[in-house]
């Protein structure tokens, strides 16, 4: 789905932390516990816009 090399260079646009791929949910998730934004993947393209991201549960 998302190229491994692309995942290595992507970072959360809000906090600049690393991100991980959640293939089952079709999203990219910030690994920072203080941020944790979840960015959607649409038509195989990561939408790395803060306004499009979902906040983690409990925030």
Protein backbone atom coordinates (compact mmCIF):
# COMPACT_ATOMS: atom_id res chain seq x y z
CA UNK A 1 0.00 0.00 0.00
CA UNK A 2 2.39 2.75 1.19
CA UNK A 3 6.02 2.42 0.13
CA UNK A 4 8.41 1.58 3.00
CA UNK A 5 10.84 4.31 1.88
CA UNK A 6 8.06 6.90 2.03
CA UNK A 7 7.15 5.83 5.58
CA UNK A 8 10.77 6.33 6.62
CA UNK A 9 10.74 10.01 5.62
CA UNK A 10 7.21 10.92 6.76
CA UNK A 11 6.80 12.76 10.05
CA UNK A 12 3.83 14.20 11.89
CA UNK A 13 3.29 17.74 10.57
CA UNK A 14 2.15 18.93 13.99
CA UNK A 15 4.86 17.65 16.34
CA UNK A 16 7.48 16.31 13.86
CA UNK A 17 7.52 12.86 15.53
CA UNK A 18 7.77 9.55 13.71
CA UNK A 19 4.63 7.96 12.31
CA UNK A 20 3.56 4.36 11.79
CA UNK A 21 1.27 2.76 9.27
CA UNK A 22 -2.02 1.18 10.37
CA UNK A 23 -2.92 -0.75 7.21
CA UNK A 24 -6.11 -2.25 8.65
CA UNK A 25 -7.57 1.17 9.45
CA UNK A 26 -6.10 2.88 6.36
CA UNK A 27 -4.33 5.61 8.31
CA UNK A 28 -0.96 6.86 9.47
CA UNK A 29 -0.57 7.41 13.21
CA UNK A 30 1.81 9.73 15.04
CA UNK A 31 3.76 7.73 17.64
CA UNK A 32 4.12 10.63 20.09
CA UNK A 33 2.01 10.00 23.23
CA UNK A 34 1.36 13.74 23.57
CA UNK A 35 0.11 14.10 19.97
CA UNK A 36 -1.13 10.81 18.49
CA UNK A 37 -2.93 12.36 15.51
CA UNK A 38 -4.27 9.90 12.93
CA UNK A 39 -3.96 10.88 9.29
CA UNK A 40 -6.21 9.24 6.68
CA UNK A 41 -5.02 7.47 3.56
CA UNK A 42 -7.22 8.16 0.55
CA UNK A 43 -6.75 6.31 -2.74
CA UNK A 44 -3.34 5.13 -1.53
CA UNK A 45 -2.16 8.67 -0.74
CA UNK A 46 -1.44 9.80 2.84
CA UNK A 47 -3.31 13.01 3.67
CA UNK A 48 -0.81 14.62 6.06
CA UNK A 49 -2.85 17.72 6.87
CA UNK A 50 -3.47 18.62 10.51
CA UNK A 51 -7.01 19.77 9.69
CA UNK A 52 -7.81 16.34 8.18
CA UNK A 53 -6.37 14.33 11.09
CA UNK A 54 -8.41 12.61 13.80
CA UNK A 55 -7.51 13.09 17.44
CA UNK A 56 -6.90 9.94 19.49
CA UNK A 57 -9.68 8.69 21.75
CA UNK A 58 -9.85 10.55 25.05
CA UNK A 59 -8.56 13.86 23.74
